[in-house]
Amino acid sequence: MNPQGPATMPWNATFFPSSMQNLSEAARGKAIEIANALLAQGMDEGKAIRIAIAKSRQWALHQGLRVREDDRNQEAGEQGLV
């Protein structure tokens, strides 16, 4: 936990870590939501980003959504990811 109180929520749809830039819009939104929640719990920023990206990828696949922007309109199953 952060001894100085809860962390701020620094990320949104226009301001997010560069490591999230290749995620699809839906996956990026979920990653931002997860990362901000982890930061609010006092987690280290780097670890929060890594976990958020991994979890948002899982979420997108489960929802049948694109994971990356460059996936175009391919279904997750067509990519061999399911």
Protein backbone atom coordinates (compact mmCIF):
# COMPACT_ATOMS: atom_id res chain seq x y z
CA MET A 1 0.00 0.00 0.00
CA ASN A 2 1.02 3.58 -0.59
CA PRO A 3 1.87 5.11 2.84
CA GLN A 4 1.07 8.60 1.53
CA GLY A 5 -2.56 7.76 0.76
CA PRO A 6 -4.27 6.58 -2.40
CA ALA A 7 -2.52 7.14 -5.70
CA THR A 8 -4.05 9.47 -8.25
CA MET A 9 -5.76 8.05 -11.31
CA PRO A 10 -3.43 9.35 -14.00
CA TRP A 11 -4.65 7.51 -17.08
CA ASN A 12 -7.61 7.98 -19.39
CA ALA A 13 -8.51 7.44 -23.06
CA THR A 14 -6.19 10.23 -24.23
CA PHE A 15 -3.38 9.90 -21.67
CA PHE A 16 -2.11 6.36 -21.13
CA PRO A 17 1.20 4.45 -20.99
CA SER A 18 2.87 3.99 -24.39
CA SER A 19 2.91 0.23 -23.79
CA MET A 20 -0.89 0.30 -24.23
CA GLN A 21 -0.86 2.11 -27.58
CA ASN A 22 -1.16 -1.02 -29.74
CA LEU A 23 -4.12 -2.41 -27.81
CA SER A 24 -7.52 -2.08 -29.44
CA GLU A 25 -9.65 0.74 -28.12
CA ALA A 26 -11.79 -1.66 -26.06
CA ALA A 27 -8.80 -3.54 -24.62
CA ARG A 28 -6.98 -0.27 -23.88
CA GLY A 29 -10.01 1.09 -22.04
CA LYS A 30 -10.15 -2.03 -19.90
CA ALA A 31 -6.37 -1.89 -19.30
CA ILE A 32 -6.67 1.73 -18.16
CA GLU A 33 -9.52 0.83 -15.83
CA ILE A 34 -7.56 -2.07 -14.32
CA ALA A 35 -4.29 -0.12 -14.02
CA ASN A 36 -6.00 2.80 -12.29
CA ALA A 37 -7.68 0.42 -9.83
CA LEU A 38 -4.34 -1.25 -9.05
CA LEU A 39 -2.67 2.12 -8.54
CA ALA A 40 -5.47 3.14 -6.18
CA GLN A 41 -4.58 0.05 -4.13
CA GLY A 42 -0.98 1.26 -3.91
CA MET A 43 0.63 -1.04 -6.48
CA ASP A 44 3.84 -0.04 -8.22
CA GLU A 45 3.13 1.68 -11.56
CA GLY A 46 5.20 -0.69 -13.71
CA LYS A 47 3.64 -3.77 -12.18
CA ALA A 48 0.14 -2.28 -12.48
CA ILE A 49 0.69 -1.62 -16.19
CA ARG A 50 1.96 -5.15 -16.88
CA ILE A 51 -0.92 -6.79 -15.02
CA ALA A 52 -3.50 -4.48 -16.61
CA ILE A 53 -2.30 -5.26 -20.14
CA ALA A 54 -2.30 -9.01 -19.51
CA LYS A 55 -5.76 -8.98 -17.93
CA SER A 56 -7.24 -6.71 -20.60
CA ARG A 57 -5.97 -9.07 -23.32
CA GLN A 58 -7.69 -11.98 -21.56
CA TRP A 59 -10.84 -9.92 -21.18
CA ALA A 60 -10.91 -8.92 -24.87
CA LEU A 61 -10.43 -12.51 -26.03
CA HIS A 62 -13.17 -13.72 -23.70
CA GLN A 63 -15.50 -11.02 -25.08
CA GLY A 64 -14.63 -11.93 -28.68
CA LEU A 65 -13.07 -8.51 -29.24
CA ARG A 66 -9.86 -7.50 -30.95
CA VAL A 67 -6.84 -7.39 -28.66
CA ARG A 68 -4.61 -5.20 -30.82
CA GLU A 69 -5.34 -2.32 -33.17
CA ASP A 70 -3.56 -4.13 -36.01
CA ASP A 71 -5.86 -7.17 -35.69
CA ARG A 72 -8.20 -5.41 -38.15
CA ASN A 73 -11.53 -7.26 -38.23
CA GLN A 74 -10.21 -10.73 -37.56
CA GLU A 75 -11.96 -12.86 -34.99
CA ALA A 76 -9.88 -14.15 -32.08
CA GLY A 77 -10.45 -17.73 -33.24
CA GLU A 78 -9.07 -16.95 -36.72
CA GLN A 79 -5.84 -15.79 -35.13
CA GLY A 80 -5.38 -19.09 -33.33
CA LEU A 81 -5.57 -17.32 -29.98
CA VAL A 82 -8.57 -19.19 -28.60
